[in-house]
Protein backbone atom coordinates (compact mmCIF):
# COMPACT_ATOMS: atom_id res chain seq x y z
CA UNK A 1 25.56 -1.24 17.00
CA UNK A 2 23.38 1.76 17.87
CA UNK A 3 20.98 3.39 15.45
CA UNK A 4 23.03 6.60 15.06
CA UNK A 5 26.22 4.65 14.36
CA UNK A 6 24.48 2.34 11.90
CA UNK A 7 23.06 5.27 9.99
CA UNK A 8 26.42 7.00 9.82
CA UNK A 9 27.71 4.11 7.74
CA UNK A 10 26.36 3.75 4.22
CA UNK A 11 26.53 0.13 3.19
CA UNK A 12 27.69 -0.94 -0.22
CA UNK A 13 24.55 -2.04 -2.07
CA UNK A 14 26.09 -5.36 -3.06
CA UNK A 15 26.26 -6.28 0.63
CA UNK A 16 22.63 -5.48 1.33
CA UNK A 17 20.36 -8.48 0.98
CA UNK A 18 18.35 -7.71 -2.14
CA UNK A 19 17.76 -4.06 -1.20
CA UNK A 20 19.53 -1.25 -3.04
CA UNK A 21 19.39 2.51 -2.97
CA UNK A 22 17.83 4.75 -5.62
CA UNK A 23 19.05 8.27 -6.34
CA UNK A 24 16.58 11.10 -5.89
CA UNK A 25 15.98 12.64 -9.30
CA UNK A 26 13.72 15.71 -9.43
CA UNK A 27 11.87 15.05 -6.14
CA UNK A 28 11.47 11.32 -6.83
CA UNK A 29 11.52 10.21 -3.16
CA UNK A 30 7.83 9.17 -3.30
CA UNK A 31 8.39 6.92 -6.33
CA UNK A 32 11.68 5.66 -4.86
CA UNK A 33 9.91 4.47 -1.69
CA UNK A 34 7.13 2.83 -3.72
CA UNK A 35 9.68 1.10 -5.96
CA UNK A 36 11.31 -0.36 -2.86
CA UNK A 37 7.94 -1.81 -1.83
CA UNK A 38 7.27 -3.11 -5.37
CA UNK A 39 10.72 -4.73 -5.46
CA UNK A 40 10.00 -6.41 -2.12
CA UNK A 41 6.69 -7.71 -3.53
CA UNK A 42 8.20 -10.72 -5.28
CA UNK A 43 4.71 -11.85 -6.28
CA UNK A 44 4.43 -8.75 -8.49
CA UNK A 45 7.94 -9.30 -9.89
CA UNK A 46 7.05 -12.90 -10.82
CA UNK A 47 3.83 -11.83 -12.58
CA UNK A 48 5.65 -9.15 -14.59
CA UNK A 49 8.28 -11.72 -15.56
CA UNK A 50 5.58 -13.94 -17.06
CA UNK A 51 4.47 -11.13 -19.36
CA UNK A 52 5.70 -11.18 -22.94
CA UNK A 53 5.00 -7.63 -24.18
CA UNK A 54 3.32 -7.20 -27.52
CA UNK A 55 4.90 -5.06 -30.22
CA UNK A 56 2.78 -2.03 -29.32
CA UNK A 57 3.83 -2.36 -25.65
CA UNK A 58 7.53 -2.05 -26.55
CA UNK A 59 7.70 1.70 -26.08
CA UNK A 60 9.33 3.97 -23.49
CA UNK A 61 5.94 5.19 -22.27
CA UNK A 62 4.47 1.84 -21.22
CA UNK A 63 4.18 1.68 -17.42
CA UNK A 64 4.15 -2.13 -16.89
CA UNK A 65 7.09 -2.59 -19.29
CA UNK A 66 9.20 0.12 -17.65
CA UNK A 67 8.27 -1.11 -14.16
CA UNK A 68 9.34 -4.63 -15.14
CA UNK A 69 12.66 -3.30 -16.45
CA UNK A 70 13.20 -1.12 -13.37
CA UNK A 71 12.64 -4.03 -10.98
CA UNK A 72 15.09 -6.15 -12.97
CA UNK A 73 17.66 -3.32 -13.02
CA UNK A 74 17.31 -2.87 -9.24
CA UNK A 75 18.57 -6.45 -8.88
CA UNK A 76 21.64 -5.70 -11.01
CA UNK A 77 24.39 -3.90 -9.04
CA UNK A 78 26.01 -2.89 -12.34
CA UNK A 79 23.04 -0.63 -13.15
CA UNK A 80 23.88 2.86 -11.80
CA UNK A 81 20.40 4.36 -12.32
CA UNK A 82 17.89 1.50 -12.54
CA UNK A 83 14.75 3.65 -12.30
CA UNK A 84 15.47 6.62 -14.59
CA UNK A 85 13.47 5.26 -17.53
CA UNK A 86 10.58 4.46 -15.20
CA UNK A 87 10.60 8.04 -13.89
CA UNK A 88 10.56 9.32 -17.49
CA UNK A 89 7.65 7.00 -18.23
CA UNK A 90 5.71 8.24 -15.20
CA UNK A 91 6.30 11.85 -16.28
CA UNK A 92 4.90 11.06 -19.74
CA UNK A 93 1.85 9.53 -18.01
CA UNK A 94 1.27 12.74 -16.00
CA UNK A 95 2.96 11.69 -12.75
CA UNK A 96 5.21 14.68 -13.14
CA UNK A 97 8.73 15.51 -12.02
CA UNK A 98 9.46 18.44 -9.67
CA UNK A 99 6.13 17.87 -7.89
CA UNK A 100 5.67 16.37 -4.44
CA UNK A 101 3.20 13.52 -4.81
CA UNK A 102 1.04 11.55 -2.39
CA UNK A 103 2.34 7.97 -2.13
CA UNK A 104 -1.09 6.33 -1.99
CA UNK A 105 -2.28 8.29 -5.05
CA UNK A 106 0.83 7.31 -7.05
CA UNK A 107 0.43 3.69 -5.91
CA UNK A 108 -3.12 3.63 -7.31
CA UNK A 109 -2.08 5.48 -10.48
CA UNK A 110 0.63 2.91 -11.25
CA UNK A 111 -1.69 -0.06 -10.69
CA UNK A 112 -4.43 1.53 -12.80
CA UNK A 113 -1.98 2.30 -15.62
CA UNK A 114 -0.84 -1.34 -15.55
CA UNK A 115 -4.47 -2.36 -16.15
CA UNK A 116 -4.78 0.08 -19.04
CA UNK A 117 -1.43 -0.57 -20.74
CA UNK A 118 -0.69 -4.27 -20.25
CA UNK A 119 -1.35 -6.28 -23.40
CA UNK A 120 -1.98 -9.53 -21.49
CA UNK A 121 -5.36 -8.87 -19.86
CA UNK A 122 -5.24 -12.10 -17.85
CA UNK A 123 -1.92 -11.18 -16.23
CA UNK A 124 -3.14 -7.62 -15.67
CA UNK A 125 -6.11 -9.06 -13.77
CA UNK A 126 -3.76 -11.23 -11.69
CA UNK A 127 -1.74 -8.16 -10.72
CA UNK A 128 -4.93 -6.36 -9.74
CA UNK A 129 -6.14 -9.37 -7.73
CA UNK A 130 -2.81 -9.46 -5.91
CA UNK A 131 -3.93 -6.29 -4.05
CA UNK A 132 -7.71 -6.44 -4.51
CA UNK A 133 -9.85 -6.27 -1.35
CA UNK A 134 -13.37 -7.22 -2.45
CA UNK A 135 -16.23 -5.94 -0.34
CA UNK A 136 -19.97 -5.65 -0.30
CA UNK A 137 -21.48 -2.37 0.74
CA UNK A 138 -24.75 -2.93 2.61
CA UNK A 139 -27.42 -0.30 3.18
CA UNK A 140 -30.20 -1.38 5.59
CA UNK A 141 -33.40 0.62 5.64
CA UNK A 142 -34.30 1.02 9.32
CA UNK A 143 -38.04 1.22 8.54
CA UNK A 144 -38.77 -1.56 6.02
CA UNK A 145 -35.62 -3.68 6.61
CA UNK A 146 -34.81 -3.73 2.88
CA UNK A 147 -31.10 -4.30 2.23
CA UNK A 148 -29.44 -2.72 -0.78
CA UNK A 149 -26.09 -4.38 -1.64
CA UNK A 150 -23.35 -2.96 -3.82
CA UNK A 151 -20.15 -4.81 -4.74
CA UNK A 152 -16.96 -2.78 -4.60
CA UNK A 153 -13.23 -3.20 -4.14
CA UNK A 154 -10.17 -1.38 -2.82
CA UNK A 155 -6.52 -1.68 -3.83
CA UNK A 156 -5.49 -0.23 -0.48
CA UNK A 157 -7.55 -0.17 2.68
CA UNK A 158 -8.12 3.52 3.60
CA UNK A 159 -8.19 3.82 7.39
CA UNK A 160 -9.34 6.92 9.23
CA UNK A 161 -6.95 8.04 11.96
CA UNK A 162 -8.30 9.77 15.06
CA UNK A 163 -6.38 12.64 16.63
CA UNK A 164 -5.73 10.63 19.76
CA UNK A 165 -3.82 7.36 20.13
CA UNK A 166 -4.77 4.64 17.65
CA UNK A 167 -4.06 0.98 17.04
CA UNK A 168 -4.23 -0.57 13.58
CA UNK A 169 -6.71 -3.10 14.91
CA UNK A 170 -9.07 -0.37 16.17
CA UNK A 171 -8.75 1.54 12.86
CA UNK A 172 -9.79 -1.61 10.97
CA UNK A 173 -12.74 -2.20 13.30
CA UNK A 174 -13.81 1.42 12.87
CA UNK A 175 -13.74 1.05 9.07
CA UNK A 176 -16.13 -1.90 9.24
CA UNK A 177 -18.36 -0.48 11.98
CA UNK A 178 -22.00 0.04 10.96
CA UNK A 179 -22.97 3.72 10.76
CA UNK A 180 -26.47 5.12 11.12
CA UNK A 181 -27.49 7.82 8.65
CA UNK A 182 -30.40 9.88 9.91
CA UNK A 183 -31.94 13.34 9.59
CA UNK A 184 -30.19 15.21 6.77
CA UNK A 185 -28.12 12.10 5.93
CA UNK A 186 -31.09 9.85 5.15
CA UNK A 187 -30.61 7.52 2.16
CA UNK A 188 -33.12 6.80 -0.62
CA UNK A 189 -34.78 3.41 -0.09
CA UNK A 190 -35.86 1.65 -3.31
CA UNK A 191 -38.67 -0.17 -1.54
CA UNK A 192 -40.04 2.81 0.41
CA UNK A 193 -39.36 5.07 -2.61
CA UNK A 194 -38.24 7.92 -0.39
CA UNK A 195 -35.34 8.87 1.83
CA UNK A 196 -35.23 6.89 5.06
CA UNK A 197 -32.84 6.47 7.99
CA UNK A 198 -30.40 3.69 7.19
CA UNK A 199 -27.54 1.67 8.63
CA UNK A 200 -24.55 1.37 6.32
CA UNK A 201 -21.45 -0.76 6.45
CA UNK A 202 -19.01 -2.98 4.57
CA UNK A 203 -18.63 -6.76 4.58
CA UNK A 204 -15.43 -8.41 3.35
CA UNK A 205 -15.96 -10.77 0.42
CA UNK A 206 -12.32 -11.70 -0.20
CA UNK A 207 -8.88 -10.69 1.04
CA UNK A 208 -5.76 -10.40 -1.13
CA UNK A 209 -2.33 -11.98 -0.89
CA UNK A 210 -0.82 -8.49 -0.48
CA UNK A 211 -2.78 -6.25 1.88
CA UNK A 212 -1.91 -2.58 1.44
CA UNK A 213 -3.13 -0.28 4.20
CA UNK A 214 -3.31 3.50 3.85
CA UNK A 215 -3.23 5.43 7.13
CA UNK A 216 -5.11 8.63 6.31
CA UNK A 217 -2.98 11.09 8.24
CA UNK A 218 -3.97 14.22 6.34
CA UNK A 219 -7.01 16.41 7.01
CA UNK A 220 -8.26 19.14 4.72
CA UNK A 221 -9.90 22.26 6.06
CA UNK A 222 -10.69 25.43 4.10
CA UNK A 223 -8.52 24.22 1.26
CA UNK A 224 -5.48 23.58 3.47
CA UNK A 225 -4.09 20.20 4.44
CA UNK A 226 -2.60 19.35 7.80
CA UNK A 227 -0.90 16.20 8.98
CA UNK A 228 -1.82 14.23 12.10
CA UNK A 229 1.26 13.32 14.14
CA UNK A 230 -0.73 11.11 16.52
CA UNK A 231 0.35 7.57 17.33
CA UNK A 232 -0.90 4.62 15.27
CA UNK A 233 0.59 1.36 16.50
CA UNK A 234 0.69 -1.61 14.13
CA UNK A 235 1.81 -5.21 14.61
CA UNK A 236 4.45 -7.12 12.71
CA UNK A 237 1.83 -9.82 12.09
CA UNK A 238 -1.92 -10.23 12.61
CA UNK A 239 -4.91 -12.38 11.72
CA UNK A 240 -7.93 -10.55 10.32
CA UNK A 241 -10.31 -13.01 12.02
CA UNK A 242 -8.94 -11.95 15.41
CA UNK A 243 -9.73 -8.31 14.63
CA UNK A 244 -13.23 -8.77 13.16
CA UNK A 245 -14.47 -11.41 15.57
CA UNK A 246 -18.11 -10.33 15.30
CA UNK A 247 -18.25 -11.17 11.58
CA UNK A 248 -19.36 -14.74 12.25
CA UNK A 249 -20.79 -15.34 8.79
CA UNK A 250 -17.40 -14.73 7.19
CA UNK A 251 -15.06 -16.07 9.88
CA UNK A 252 -13.72 -18.89 7.71
CA UNK A 253 -12.82 -16.45 4.95
CA UNK A 254 -11.24 -14.03 7.45
CA UNK A 255 -8.86 -16.63 8.87
CA UNK A 256 -5.88 -15.18 7.06
CA UNK A 257 -2.66 -14.21 8.78
CA UNK A 258 -0.44 -11.43 7.47
CA UNK A 259 3.20 -10.46 8.00
CA UNK A 260 4.45 -6.91 7.52
CA UNK A 261 7.15 -6.53 4.86
CA UNK A 262 7.16 -2.84 3.85
CA UNK A 263 6.41 0.50 5.51
CA UNK A 264 6.24 3.73 3.49
CA UNK A 265 7.18 6.60 5.80
CA UNK A 266 6.24 10.28 5.40
CA UNK A 267 8.51 12.83 7.07
CA UNK A 268 7.37 16.40 7.39
CA UNK A 269 4.23 18.44 7.95
CA UNK A 270 2.23 18.68 4.71
CA UNK A 271 4.98 18.71 2.12
CA UNK A 272 7.76 16.37 3.04
CA UNK A 273 9.98 13.43 2.22
CA UNK A 274 9.31 9.70 1.74
CA UNK A 275 11.47 6.82 2.93
CA UNK A 276 10.76 3.13 3.43
CA UNK A 277 11.48 0.22 5.72
CA UNK A 278 11.78 -3.06 3.82
CA UNK A 279 12.01 -6.58 5.21
CA UNK A 280 14.33 -8.48 2.89
CA UNK A 281 12.99 -11.72 1.45
CA UNK A 282 16.50 -13.14 1.43
CA UNK A 283 17.47 -12.80 5.09
CA UNK A 284 14.14 -11.64 6.67
CA UNK A 285 15.96 -8.63 8.16
CA UNK A 286 14.66 -5.05 8.14
CA UNK A 287 16.41 -2.34 6.08
CA UNK A 288 15.88 1.41 6.03
CA UNK A 289 15.96 3.03 2.58
CA UNK A 290 16.34 6.77 2.18
CA UNK A 291 16.74 7.33 -1.57
CA UNK A 292 20.30 6.18 -2.40
CA UNK A 293 21.13 5.23 1.19
CA UNK A 294 20.37 1.80 2.63
CA UNK A 295 21.03 0.76 6.22
CA UNK A 296 20.21 -2.30 8.32
CA UNK A 297 17.37 -1.62 10.75
CA UNK A 298 15.39 -3.36 13.47
CA UNK A 299 11.73 -3.84 14.30
CA UNK A 300 12.25 -1.38 17.17
CA UNK A 301 13.26 1.28 14.66
CA UNK A 302 10.23 0.52 12.49
CA UNK A 303 8.06 1.03 15.58
CA UNK A 304 9.43 4.57 15.89
CA UNK A 305 7.23 5.47 12.89
CA UNK A 306 4.06 4.98 14.96
CA UNK A 307 3.80 8.74 15.44
CA UNK A 308 5.65 12.03 15.35
CA UNK A 309 7.51 13.74 12.53
CA UNK A 310 8.47 10.51 10.70
CA UNK A 311 5.24 8.54 10.47
CA UNK A 312 4.12 5.35 8.77
CA UNK A 313 1.80 6.28 5.89
CA UNK A 314 1.36 2.99 4.02
CA UNK A 315 1.75 -0.55 5.34
CA UNK A 316 2.16 -3.63 3.16
CA UNK A 317 1.41 -7.05 4.59
CA UNK A 318 1.89 -10.43 2.92
CA UNK A 319 -0.18 -13.55 3.58
CA UNK A 320 1.72 -15.88 5.88
CA UNK A 321 3.07 -18.84 3.90
CA UNK A 322 3.56 -17.08 0.56
CA UNK A 323 6.80 -15.50 1.75
CA UNK A 324 8.34 -18.95 2.27
CA UNK A 325 7.18 -20.08 -1.14
CA UNK A 326 8.39 -16.88 -2.82
CA UNK A 327 11.71 -17.00 -1.00
CA UNK A 328 12.38 -20.53 -2.20
CA UNK A 329 11.50 -19.64 -5.81
CA UNK A 330 13.55 -16.42 -6.03
């Protein structure tokens, strides 16, 4: 069946393998797409299920509680509007209705609010670690060879996109490439006690089970944002060690293979619309979700988001092996 014919037929949600549509309420397409990715992250669903909310958490404005309920309701075909209470909760927490939001910013806001509002601090830390990319920032003084190290982390890997053709692998290599800071960009050296030319870069300390990648397609100039429509190819699976081969000191840690399971798509120029491609845990097939509409899709269709008007904006990869374990437990 061709793509146009498939998309002319809206499937009954009960026939779609674990993926259901969500109505667009008050410009909620961004949250809808993110909820599809959260629902597909069964590791997150399992952690939220382990949480027994305290009395003070049992309120309509608690993000982790309402997210837990929304993910449960999305699995119940009898629930006509499984995410309404979650949208109300987001609005109360200043992720407002009737405003077009950036998906990566809302993704971070939700995870940060979980950390702030979850009564079980241990489980909150597990949820954070599910996405946490731990790194060490290294600043080498080019005159005295002193190395200043700073520990940091990311919940999504922010990758710069060039205005020409890109590959995900090259974007990752560019992120970890060492940069020289000279002339007006000199950095203060603690040993030299003055600004010196330096070489700066990141080293990976640990990789997460769920690797979220943010393709930074928007540029700001003179207060105006513009979107890059250039091509960024990405694989259905990859091994980080194959990409960062030069990092010999951390090769053992980098030997981690990932499979793609969710793609958040931005359609438009600056303002626009969000949709998502989700690979179902139940049948390992791809589905296209556009608010309330859900259609079967193919990897070839996912690849059409490499560039152009409808472009991949966020990619979610799962460590190979965990999907089998999660699929057998769900």
